[in-house]
Amino acid sequence: METVWITGASSGIGEACAYRWAEGGARLVLSATTAKKLAPVAAKCREKGAPDVAVLPYDLSHPDGIPALARDAWEAFGDLSIIFLNAGISQRTSVEDTSMEMVRTLMEIDYFAPTAIAREILPRIVARGGGHIAVTTSIAGRFGFPLRSGYCSAKSALYGFFESLQAEYYDKGIRVTLVCPGRVRTNISLRALDKGGKPHGKMDPGQAGGITTEKAARIIVSAIRKSRREVLVGGKELIMVYIKRFFPGLCARLSRKIKPM
């Protein structure tokens, strides 16, 4: 039986993946900022077939409590076979309008939190004989994108850390999947940080036209079960990843023309 811990489980990709795993009979540990947000997700997971669901609310912008959070997630059922580090936050500000405080907030939630959790949980997974760590990156972590300087930085950094982790621990049974979404129909743009650190509060047209979270969840859960190293999730925008790989100059020119809102 799969035992899965999902961060950022109260909405979007995390919520949809929770339902997908629930339908397969997995035990679930769900984390997001508040218990109130997680309660309806947990209830629906039970309806869909999850035999056990634990709720662990935590604000990942506070690093001091992450060791205890990781311990509690592991001890909820005495084991975890899959950890899906999905929680994150975006931005909608130019470089000049992005304060260093905002950069640190983005890095704290999008980079330091998932890497800290991975470090805390790693000895336990190794001791059990292996397991799977998946982390949500972004195509914005594969190339620069307007109004996303801090977000792109954090998502790019995830590749360096988790590819290194995979290289070091592969022979100890640890598998890593880098989940790389493009445009998925979530509320990430609504909660993105705008000038002064306020919520952007708008749905980006590109986001609104993205694939559904249900479709994204089918792709992601299948890729994790198959131990894929990386999975691209989205629509035609994913071609930019291949353009960057083979034609980096063209990618740079196209990036300058992308409408960021």
Protein backbone atom coordinates (compact mmCIF):
# COMPACT_ATOMS: atom_id res chain seq x y z
CA MET A 1 0.00 0.00 0.00
CA GLU A 2 1.26 3.47 -0.89
CA THR A 3 1.67 5.92 1.97
CA VAL A 4 1.94 9.43 0.56
CA TRP A 5 2.71 12.81 2.10
CA ILE A 6 1.62 15.79 -0.02
CA THR A 7 2.49 19.40 0.77
CA GLY A 8 0.33 22.10 -0.80
CA ALA A 9 -2.56 19.64 -0.66
CA SER A 10 -5.44 22.06 -0.06
CA SER A 11 -5.91 23.15 -3.69
CA GLY A 12 -4.67 22.88 -7.25
CA ILE A 13 -2.26 20.14 -8.26
CA GLY A 14 -1.75 18.89 -4.70
CA GLU A 15 -5.48 18.48 -4.08
CA ALA A 16 -6.07 16.72 -7.40
CA CYS A 17 -3.16 14.34 -6.80
CA ALA A 18 -4.51 13.56 -3.33
CA TYR A 19 -7.80 12.44 -4.91
CA ARG A 20 -5.96 10.38 -7.50
CA TRP A 21 -3.94 8.55 -4.86
CA ALA A 22 -7.06 8.15 -2.70
CA GLU A 23 -8.82 6.37 -5.57
CA GLY A 24 -5.92 3.91 -5.59
CA GLY A 25 -6.33 3.19 -1.89
CA ALA A 26 -3.28 5.07 -0.62
CA ARG A 27 -2.87 6.30 2.93
CA LEU A 28 -2.43 10.05 2.85
CA VAL A 29 -0.75 12.73 4.94
CA LEU A 30 -1.96 16.14 3.79
CA SER A 31 -0.22 19.43 4.54
CA ALA A 32 -1.09 23.06 3.76
CA THR A 33 -1.15 26.30 5.73
CA THR A 34 -4.33 25.65 7.75
CA ALA A 35 -6.43 22.73 8.97
CA LYS A 36 -9.55 24.55 7.78
CA LYS A 37 -8.36 24.42 4.16
CA LEU A 38 -7.40 20.76 4.45
CA ALA A 39 -10.57 19.45 6.13
CA PRO A 40 -12.79 19.23 3.00
CA VAL A 41 -9.94 17.69 0.99
CA ALA A 42 -9.37 15.04 3.65
CA ALA A 43 -13.09 14.24 3.76
CA LYS A 44 -13.25 13.83 -0.01
CA CYS A 45 -10.15 11.63 0.01
CA ARG A 46 -11.87 9.29 2.46
CA GLU A 47 -14.96 9.22 0.22
CA LYS A 48 -12.77 8.31 -2.75
CA GLY A 49 -11.20 5.34 -1.01
CA ALA A 50 -8.27 6.45 1.13
CA PRO A 51 -8.31 4.12 4.18
CA ASP A 52 -6.49 6.64 6.40
CA VAL A 53 -5.96 10.38 6.07
CA ALA A 54 -3.88 12.51 8.44
CA VAL A 55 -3.95 16.31 8.34
CA LEU A 56 -0.76 18.23 9.22
CA PRO A 57 -1.18 21.99 8.73
CA TYR A 58 2.00 24.07 8.62
CA ASP A 59 3.21 27.37 7.17
CA LEU A 60 6.39 26.51 5.28
CA SER A 61 7.65 30.09 5.45
CA HIS A 62 8.74 29.25 9.01
CA PRO A 63 11.77 26.94 8.79
CA ASP A 64 12.24 26.24 12.49
CA GLY A 65 9.33 23.80 12.70
CA ILE A 66 10.20 21.73 9.63
CA PRO A 67 12.11 18.97 11.52
CA ALA A 68 9.07 18.38 13.76
CA LEU A 69 6.75 18.51 10.74
CA ALA A 70 8.77 15.85 8.92
CA ARG A 71 8.85 13.68 12.04
CA ASP A 72 5.07 13.98 12.51
CA ALA A 73 4.41 13.17 8.85
CA TRP A 74 6.52 10.02 9.09
CA GLU A 75 4.99 8.93 12.37
CA ALA A 76 1.39 9.50 11.25
CA PHE A 77 1.35 5.94 9.88
CA GLY A 78 4.84 4.81 10.83
CA ASP A 79 6.12 4.99 7.26
CA LEU A 80 6.08 6.98 4.01
CA SER A 81 6.72 5.49 0.59
CA ILE A 82 6.18 8.71 -1.40
CA ILE A 83 6.80 12.34 -0.46
CA PHE A 84 5.36 14.88 -2.91
CA LEU A 85 6.81 18.32 -2.17
CA ASN A 86 4.31 20.41 -4.06
CA ALA A 87 3.68 23.56 -1.97
CA GLY A 88 4.80 26.83 -3.52
CA ILE A 89 4.10 30.48 -4.21
CA SER A 90 4.69 32.66 -7.27
CA GLN A 91 5.12 36.37 -8.01
CA ARG A 92 4.03 39.02 -10.53
CA THR A 93 6.64 41.76 -10.13
CA SER A 94 9.50 43.19 -12.19
CA VAL A 95 13.04 42.92 -10.86
CA GLU A 96 12.92 46.55 -9.68
CA ASP A 97 9.63 45.95 -7.86
CA THR A 98 10.82 42.72 -6.26
CA SER A 99 12.25 43.51 -2.84
CA MET A 100 14.88 41.27 -1.34
CA GLU A 101 12.35 40.46 1.35
CA MET A 102 10.07 39.07 -1.36
CA VAL A 103 12.94 37.12 -2.90
CA ARG A 104 13.67 35.56 0.48
CA THR A 105 9.99 34.66 0.97
CA LEU A 106 9.89 32.96 -2.43
CA MET A 107 13.13 31.10 -1.74
CA GLU A 108 12.00 30.09 1.74
CA ILE A 109 8.77 28.49 0.54
CA ASP A 110 9.73 27.29 -2.94
CA TYR A 111 13.32 26.15 -2.33
CA PHE A 112 14.45 25.98 1.30
CA ALA A 113 11.29 24.29 2.61
CA PRO A 114 11.27 21.34 0.17
CA THR A 115 15.02 20.82 0.46
CA ALA A 116 14.83 20.97 4.26
CA ILE A 117 12.00 18.42 4.30
CA ALA A 118 13.95 16.14 1.95
CA ARG A 119 17.01 16.27 4.21
CA GLU A 120 14.94 15.49 7.30
CA ILE A 121 13.07 12.61 5.71
CA LEU A 122 15.99 11.09 3.77
CA PRO A 123 17.57 8.99 6.58
CA ARG A 124 14.19 7.44 7.31
CA ILE A 125 13.61 6.48 3.67
CA VAL A 126 17.09 5.02 3.37
CA ALA A 127 16.54 3.00 6.56
CA ARG A 128 13.28 1.55 5.17
CA GLY A 129 15.11 0.36 2.06
CA GLY A 130 14.07 3.06 -0.38
CA GLY A 131 11.25 5.35 -1.38
CA HIS A 132 10.26 8.14 -3.69
CA ILE A 133 10.61 11.93 -3.45
CA ALA A 134 8.78 14.09 -5.99
CA VAL A 135 9.05 17.87 -6.13
CA THR A 136 7.08 20.43 -8.13
CA THR A 137 9.38 22.63 -10.16
CA SER A 138 8.08 24.61 -13.17
CA ILE A 139 8.99 25.38 -16.75
CA ALA A 140 9.85 28.74 -15.18
CA GLY A 141 12.73 26.83 -13.59
CA ARG A 142 14.02 25.85 -17.01
CA PHE A 143 14.30 29.37 -18.48
CA GLY A 144 13.80 33.00 -17.41
CA PHE A 145 10.29 34.40 -17.61
CA PRO A 146 9.05 38.02 -17.26
CA LEU A 147 7.85 39.08 -13.79
CA ARG A 148 9.11 35.84 -12.20
CA SER A 149 12.75 36.57 -11.26
CA GLY A 150 12.55 35.20 -7.70
CA TYR A 151 10.19 32.37 -8.63
CA CYS A 152 12.39 31.27 -11.55
CA SER A 153 15.43 31.37 -9.28
CA ALA A 154 13.83 29.14 -6.65
CA LYS A 155 12.45 26.65 -9.15
CA SER A 156 15.76 26.48 -11.01
CA ALA A 157 17.59 25.81 -7.75
CA LEU A 158 15.36 22.80 -7.08
CA TYR A 159 16.86 21.07 -10.12
CA GLY A 160 20.38 21.38 -8.78
CA PHE A 161 19.49 20.07 -5.34
CA PHE A 162 17.24 17.16 -6.28
CA GLU A 163 19.34 15.99 -9.22
CA SER A 164 22.30 15.88 -6.81
CA LEU A 165 20.22 14.00 -4.24
CA GLN A 166 19.21 11.45 -6.88
CA ALA A 167 22.82 10.96 -7.99
CA GLU A 168 23.99 10.38 -4.41
CA TYR A 169 21.20 8.11 -3.19
CA TYR A 170 20.04 6.19 -6.26
CA ASP A 171 21.93 3.07 -5.21
CA LYS A 172 20.24 3.26 -1.80
CA GLY A 173 16.80 2.89 -3.35
CA ILE A 174 15.85 6.56 -3.49
CA ARG A 175 14.00 7.70 -6.59
CA VAL A 176 13.33 11.34 -7.49
CA THR A 177 10.75 12.78 -9.88
CA LEU A 178 10.96 16.42 -10.92
CA VAL A 179 7.39 17.48 -11.69
CA CYS A 180 7.60 20.36 -14.19
CA PRO A 181 4.23 22.03 -14.86
CA GLY A 182 3.55 24.58 -17.51
CA ARG A 183 0.08 26.04 -17.56
CA VAL A 184 -2.30 24.20 -15.26
CA ARG A 185 -5.65 25.69 -14.24
CA THR A 186 -4.90 26.49 -10.59
CA ASN A 187 -5.17 29.55 -8.36
CA ILE A 188 -1.41 30.14 -8.23
CA SER A 189 -1.69 33.50 -10.01
CA LEU A 190 -4.39 34.67 -7.58
CA ARG A 191 -2.08 34.13 -4.61
CA ALA A 192 1.10 35.25 -6.35
CA LEU A 193 3.00 38.08 -4.69
CA ASP A 194 2.47 41.50 -6.26
CA LYS A 195 4.00 44.89 -5.41
CA GLY A 196 4.46 45.28 -1.69
CA GLY A 197 3.97 41.55 -1.14
CA LYS A 198 0.20 41.76 -1.65
CA PRO A 199 -1.72 38.97 -3.45
CA HIS A 200 -1.93 39.49 -7.21
CA GLY A 201 -5.62 38.56 -7.08
CA LYS A 202 -6.03 37.97 -10.82
CA MET A 203 -6.27 34.83 -12.91
CA ASP A 204 -3.71 34.97 -15.70
CA PRO A 205 -5.25 34.26 -19.13
CA GLY A 206 -2.59 31.63 -19.80
CA GLN A 207 -3.34 29.94 -16.48
CA ALA A 208 -7.09 30.01 -17.16
CA GLY A 209 -6.49 28.27 -20.48
CA GLY A 210 -4.25 25.59 -19.04
CA ILE A 211 -4.99 21.91 -18.58
CA THR A 212 -7.22 20.85 -15.70
CA THR A 213 -5.77 19.80 -12.38
CA GLU A 214 -7.42 16.39 -12.85
CA LYS A 215 -5.49 15.81 -16.07
CA ALA A 216 -2.30 17.05 -14.45
CA ALA A 217 -2.83 14.66 -11.52
CA ARG A 218 -3.24 11.66 -13.84
CA ILE A 219 0.06 12.51 -15.54
CA ILE A 220 1.94 13.23 -12.31
CA VAL A 221 0.83 10.21 -10.28
CA SER A 222 1.49 7.90 -13.22
CA ALA A 223 4.99 9.36 -13.68
CA ILE A 224 5.82 8.93 -9.99
CA ARG A 225 4.61 5.35 -10.00
CA LYS A 226 6.83 4.69 -13.03
CA SER A 227 9.80 6.40 -11.30
CA ARG A 228 10.24 8.89 -14.12
CA ARG A 229 13.17 11.27 -13.57
CA GLU A 230 11.20 14.26 -14.86
CA VAL A 231 7.68 14.80 -16.13
CA LEU A 232 6.47 17.80 -18.13
CA VAL A 233 2.85 18.69 -17.40
CA GLY A 234 0.84 21.08 -19.54
CA GLY A 235 0.00 21.96 -23.14
CA LYS A 236 1.70 23.51 -26.15
CA GLU A 237 3.75 25.87 -23.92
CA LEU A 238 5.96 22.90 -22.99
CA ILE A 239 7.65 23.18 -26.38
CA MET A 240 9.65 26.04 -24.85
CA VAL A 241 11.60 23.49 -22.79
CA TYR A 242 12.82 21.82 -25.98
CA ILE A 243 13.48 25.14 -27.71
CA LYS A 244 15.66 26.13 -24.74
CA ARG A 245 17.54 22.83 -24.96
CA PHE A 246 18.31 22.96 -28.68
CA PHE A 247 17.93 26.66 -29.59
CA PRO A 248 18.74 28.74 -26.50
CA GLY A 249 19.05 32.00 -28.44
CA LEU A 250 15.60 31.54 -29.94
CA CYS A 251 14.21 30.72 -26.50
CA ALA A 252 15.61 33.99 -25.14
CA ARG A 253 13.97 35.97 -27.94
CA LEU A 254 10.63 34.22 -27.46
CA SER A 255 10.78 34.74 -23.69
CA ARG A 256 11.07 38.49 -24.23
CA LYS A 257 7.81 38.42 -26.18
CA ILE A 258 5.79 36.32 -23.75
CA LYS A 259 2.88 38.16 -22.19
CA PRO A 260 3.54 37.67 -18.49
CA MET A 261 -0.01 38.36 -17.29
